[in-house]
N, C-alpha and C. Protein backbone atom coordinates (compact mmCIF):
# COMPACT_ATOMS: atom_id res chain seq x y z
N UNK A 1 96.09 145.39 82.13
CA UNK A 1 95.19 145.30 83.26
C UNK A 1 94.57 146.68 83.49
N UNK A 2 93.29 146.68 83.65
CA UNK A 2 92.56 147.90 83.97
C UNK A 2 92.57 148.07 85.48
N UNK A 3 92.93 149.24 85.95
CA UNK A 3 92.95 149.52 87.39
C UNK A 3 91.93 150.59 87.68
N UNK A 4 91.00 150.27 88.58
CA UNK A 4 89.94 151.20 88.96
C UNK A 4 89.97 151.45 90.45
N UNK A 5 89.52 152.60 90.85
CA UNK A 5 89.36 152.91 92.27
C UNK A 5 87.87 153.00 92.55
N UNK A 6 87.42 152.25 93.53
CA UNK A 6 86.00 152.25 93.92
C UNK A 6 85.92 152.35 95.43
N UNK A 7 84.89 152.98 95.92
CA UNK A 7 84.62 153.08 97.35
C UNK A 7 83.48 152.13 97.68
N UNK A 8 83.20 151.96 98.97
CA UNK A 8 82.07 151.13 99.38
C UNK A 8 80.79 151.59 98.70
N UNK A 9 79.98 150.62 98.31
CA UNK A 9 78.70 150.84 97.61
C UNK A 9 78.86 151.35 96.18
N UNK A 10 80.07 151.36 95.63
CA UNK A 10 80.26 151.71 94.23
C UNK A 10 80.47 150.42 93.44
N UNK A 11 80.14 150.45 92.16
CA UNK A 11 80.15 149.25 91.33
C UNK A 11 80.90 149.46 90.04
N UNK A 12 81.20 148.37 89.38
CA UNK A 12 81.65 148.38 87.99
C UNK A 12 80.75 147.40 87.23
N UNK A 13 80.61 147.63 85.94
CA UNK A 13 79.82 146.76 85.08
C UNK A 13 80.78 146.11 84.09
N UNK A 14 80.66 144.79 83.94
CA UNK A 14 81.47 144.04 82.98
C UNK A 14 80.52 143.51 81.92
N UNK A 15 80.79 143.86 80.67
CA UNK A 15 79.88 143.47 79.60
C UNK A 15 78.54 144.14 79.81
N UNK A 16 77.47 143.43 79.47
CA UNK A 16 76.13 143.99 79.62
C UNK A 16 75.41 143.47 80.85
N UNK A 17 75.93 142.42 81.49
CA UNK A 17 75.11 141.80 82.52
C UNK A 17 75.87 141.30 83.75
N UNK A 18 77.07 141.81 83.98
CA UNK A 18 77.80 141.44 85.20
C UNK A 18 78.12 142.71 85.97
N UNK A 19 77.69 142.73 87.23
CA UNK A 19 77.91 143.89 88.09
C UNK A 19 78.74 143.45 89.28
N UNK A 20 79.84 144.17 89.54
CA UNK A 20 80.69 143.90 90.69
C UNK A 20 80.61 145.12 91.59
N UNK A 21 80.17 144.90 92.82
CA UNK A 21 79.96 146.00 93.76
C UNK A 21 80.86 145.83 94.97
N UNK A 22 81.50 146.92 95.40
CA UNK A 22 82.29 146.91 96.62
C UNK A 22 81.29 147.04 97.78
N UNK A 23 81.19 145.98 98.59
CA UNK A 23 80.24 146.01 99.70
C UNK A 23 80.83 146.71 100.92
N UNK A 24 82.08 146.37 101.24
CA UNK A 24 82.76 147.07 102.33
C UNK A 24 84.25 146.80 102.26
N UNK A 25 85.00 147.70 102.84
CA UNK A 25 86.44 147.56 102.97
C UNK A 25 86.73 147.50 104.46
N UNK A 26 87.40 146.42 104.87
CA UNK A 26 87.66 146.20 106.29
C UNK A 26 89.12 145.78 106.43
N UNK A 27 89.95 146.67 106.90
CA UNK A 27 91.38 146.38 107.02
C UNK A 27 91.97 146.11 105.65
N UNK A 28 92.59 144.94 105.47
CA UNK A 28 93.17 144.61 104.16
C UNK A 28 92.25 143.70 103.35
N UNK A 29 90.97 143.61 103.75
CA UNK A 29 90.01 142.80 103.00
C UNK A 29 88.99 143.70 102.32
N UNK A 30 88.63 143.29 101.11
CA UNK A 30 87.58 143.98 100.36
C UNK A 30 86.47 142.96 100.12
N UNK A 31 85.26 143.30 100.51
CA UNK A 31 84.11 142.42 100.31
C UNK A 31 83.41 142.85 99.02
N UNK A 32 83.32 141.92 98.07
CA UNK A 32 82.71 142.20 96.78
C UNK A 32 81.41 141.44 96.64
N UNK A 33 80.45 142.06 95.99
CA UNK A 33 79.23 141.38 95.59
C UNK A 33 79.22 141.28 94.08
N UNK A 34 78.90 140.11 93.55
CA UNK A 34 78.91 139.90 92.10
C UNK A 34 77.52 139.49 91.67
N UNK A 35 76.95 140.27 90.78
CA UNK A 35 75.63 139.97 90.22
C UNK A 35 75.84 139.57 88.77
N UNK A 36 75.64 138.27 88.50
CA UNK A 36 75.89 137.74 87.16
C UNK A 36 74.84 136.67 86.85
N UNK A 37 74.62 136.38 85.57
CA UNK A 37 73.70 135.29 85.21
C UNK A 37 74.16 133.97 85.81
N UNK A 38 73.20 133.08 86.08
CA UNK A 38 73.52 131.81 86.72
C UNK A 38 74.41 130.91 85.87
N UNK A 39 74.42 131.10 84.55
CA UNK A 39 75.24 130.23 83.70
C UNK A 39 76.71 130.63 83.69
N UNK A 40 77.09 131.68 84.42
CA UNK A 40 78.49 132.07 84.56
C UNK A 40 79.07 131.39 85.78
N UNK A 41 80.23 130.80 85.62
CA UNK A 41 80.94 130.21 86.75
C UNK A 41 81.86 131.27 87.34
N UNK A 42 81.80 131.42 88.64
CA UNK A 42 82.64 132.40 89.33
C UNK A 42 83.40 131.66 90.42
N UNK A 43 84.73 131.72 90.36
CA UNK A 43 85.58 131.03 91.33
C UNK A 43 86.62 131.99 91.88
N UNK A 44 87.08 131.71 93.09
CA UNK A 44 88.28 132.38 93.57
C UNK A 44 89.43 131.84 92.71
N UNK A 45 90.44 132.66 92.49
CA UNK A 45 91.52 132.26 91.59
C UNK A 45 92.20 130.98 92.02
N UNK A 46 92.45 130.79 93.32
CA UNK A 46 93.15 129.59 93.77
C UNK A 46 92.31 128.34 93.55
N UNK A 47 91.01 128.44 93.66
CA UNK A 47 90.13 127.30 93.39
C UNK A 47 90.11 127.00 91.89
N UNK A 48 90.03 128.06 91.08
CA UNK A 48 90.04 127.89 89.63
C UNK A 48 91.32 127.19 89.16
N UNK A 49 92.46 127.59 89.70
CA UNK A 49 93.74 126.97 89.33
C UNK A 49 93.78 125.50 89.76
N UNK A 50 93.21 125.20 90.91
CA UNK A 50 93.16 123.81 91.38
C UNK A 50 92.29 122.96 90.45
N UNK A 51 91.15 123.47 90.05
CA UNK A 51 90.26 122.76 89.13
C UNK A 51 90.95 122.52 87.80
N UNK A 52 91.60 123.56 87.29
CA UNK A 52 92.29 123.44 86.00
C UNK A 52 93.41 122.39 86.06
N UNK A 53 94.16 122.38 87.16
CA UNK A 53 95.24 121.40 87.31
C UNK A 53 94.68 119.98 87.40
N UNK A 54 93.59 119.81 88.14
CA UNK A 54 92.98 118.48 88.26
C UNK A 54 92.42 118.00 86.93
N UNK A 55 91.83 118.90 86.16
CA UNK A 55 91.30 118.53 84.85
C UNK A 55 92.43 118.13 83.90
N UNK A 56 93.52 118.88 83.92
CA UNK A 56 94.66 118.55 83.06
C UNK A 56 95.24 117.20 83.45
N UNK A 57 95.32 116.94 84.74
CA UNK A 57 95.85 115.66 85.23
C UNK A 57 94.92 114.51 84.83
N UNK A 58 93.62 114.73 84.92
CA UNK A 58 92.66 113.69 84.56
C UNK A 58 92.75 113.33 83.08
N UNK A 59 92.93 114.32 82.25
CA UNK A 59 93.03 114.08 80.81
C UNK A 59 94.30 113.28 80.50
N UNK A 60 95.38 113.57 81.16
CA UNK A 60 96.65 112.89 80.89
C UNK A 60 96.66 111.46 81.43
N UNK A 61 96.02 111.24 82.57
CA UNK A 61 96.16 109.95 83.25
C UNK A 61 94.94 109.05 83.19
N UNK A 62 93.85 109.54 82.67
CA UNK A 62 92.59 108.80 82.78
C UNK A 62 92.52 107.58 81.86
N UNK A 63 92.93 107.70 80.62
CA UNK A 63 92.77 106.61 79.67
C UNK A 63 94.15 106.09 79.26
N UNK A 64 94.36 104.81 79.54
CA UNK A 64 95.61 104.17 79.13
C UNK A 64 95.54 103.88 77.64
N UNK A 65 96.65 103.97 76.92
CA UNK A 65 96.64 103.74 75.47
C UNK A 65 96.07 102.38 75.09
N UNK A 66 96.35 101.33 75.86
CA UNK A 66 95.83 100.00 75.53
C UNK A 66 94.31 99.96 75.64
N UNK A 67 93.77 100.61 76.66
CA UNK A 67 92.32 100.64 76.82
C UNK A 67 91.67 101.48 75.73
N UNK A 68 92.33 102.55 75.33
CA UNK A 68 91.82 103.38 74.25
C UNK A 68 91.79 102.58 72.94
N UNK A 69 92.83 101.81 72.66
CA UNK A 69 92.86 100.97 71.46
C UNK A 69 91.78 99.90 71.51
N UNK A 70 91.56 99.31 72.68
CA UNK A 70 90.51 98.31 72.84
C UNK A 70 89.13 98.91 72.58
N UNK A 71 88.91 100.09 73.11
CA UNK A 71 87.63 100.79 72.88
C UNK A 71 87.44 101.11 71.40
N UNK A 72 88.50 101.54 70.75
CA UNK A 72 88.43 101.85 69.32
C UNK A 72 88.08 100.59 68.51
N UNK A 73 88.69 99.46 68.86
CA UNK A 73 88.39 98.19 68.18
C UNK A 73 86.94 97.78 68.38
N UNK A 74 86.44 97.91 69.60
CA UNK A 74 85.04 97.57 69.89
C UNK A 74 84.09 98.44 69.09
N UNK A 75 84.37 99.72 69.04
CA UNK A 75 83.50 100.63 68.29
C UNK A 75 83.56 100.36 66.80
N UNK A 76 84.73 100.03 66.29
CA UNK A 76 84.86 99.68 64.88
C UNK A 76 84.08 98.41 64.58
N UNK A 77 84.16 97.41 65.45
CA UNK A 77 83.40 96.17 65.28
C UNK A 77 81.91 96.43 65.30
N UNK A 78 81.46 97.27 66.21
CA UNK A 78 80.04 97.62 66.30
C UNK A 78 79.59 98.35 65.03
N UNK A 79 80.41 99.26 64.56
CA UNK A 79 80.09 99.99 63.33
C UNK A 79 79.97 99.02 62.16
N UNK A 80 80.91 98.09 62.03
CA UNK A 80 80.88 97.11 60.94
C UNK A 80 79.64 96.22 61.04
N UNK A 81 79.30 95.82 62.24
CA UNK A 81 78.13 94.99 62.46
C UNK A 81 76.86 95.72 62.05
N UNK A 82 76.73 96.94 62.48
CA UNK A 82 75.52 97.72 62.17
C UNK A 82 75.39 97.99 60.67
N UNK A 83 76.49 98.39 60.05
CA UNK A 83 76.41 98.71 58.64
C UNK A 83 76.26 97.47 57.77
N UNK A 84 76.85 96.35 58.19
CA UNK A 84 76.71 95.14 57.38
C UNK A 84 75.28 94.62 57.46
N UNK A 85 74.60 94.77 58.59
CA UNK A 85 73.20 94.36 58.70
C UNK A 85 72.32 95.21 57.80
N UNK A 86 72.58 96.50 57.74
CA UNK A 86 71.79 97.40 56.89
C UNK A 86 71.95 97.05 55.42
N UNK A 87 73.17 96.69 55.02
CA UNK A 87 73.44 96.38 53.62
C UNK A 87 72.86 95.04 53.21
N UNK A 88 72.75 94.07 54.15
CA UNK A 88 72.25 92.74 53.83
C UNK A 88 70.75 92.72 53.62
N UNK A 89 70.03 93.67 54.20
CA UNK A 89 68.59 93.70 54.05
C UNK A 89 68.23 94.13 52.64
N UNK A 90 67.33 93.33 52.00
CA UNK A 90 66.92 93.68 50.64
C UNK A 90 65.70 94.57 50.73
N UNK A 91 65.60 95.56 49.87
CA UNK A 91 64.41 96.42 49.91
C UNK A 91 63.19 95.66 49.48
N UNK A 92 62.05 96.00 50.10
CA UNK A 92 60.80 95.33 49.76
C UNK A 92 60.31 95.86 48.43
N UNK A 93 59.83 94.92 47.59
CA UNK A 93 59.35 95.32 46.24
C UNK A 93 57.83 95.50 46.21
N UNK A 94 57.17 95.04 47.23
CA UNK A 94 55.71 95.15 47.24
C UNK A 94 55.02 93.96 46.59
N UNK A 95 55.77 93.01 46.01
CA UNK A 95 55.20 91.82 45.37
C UNK A 95 55.13 90.70 46.39
N UNK A 96 54.05 89.93 46.33
CA UNK A 96 53.91 88.77 47.20
C UNK A 96 53.99 87.53 46.35
N UNK A 97 54.68 86.49 46.85
CA UNK A 97 54.81 85.25 46.08
C UNK A 97 53.61 84.37 46.29
């Protein structure tokens, strides 16, 4: 872990395009300003951990094995149907009877 000391109105740069600035220190709170590209997600740690736990829970509980097998069978049937139709079509020779 890198430990830095910064005063109010001082900043650190992360990478080439993320700036973290100490806006003010008030008692035991530090107010930070973060300037980063919009495609970066920035969360408080407790919110990030909650999101990660919910995502892990959703992955484990979302799809029942029986439903997954049913979906696989449907997709296999659709694949067989599509490919069998393609194979049954004869190429046109350009000759007319």
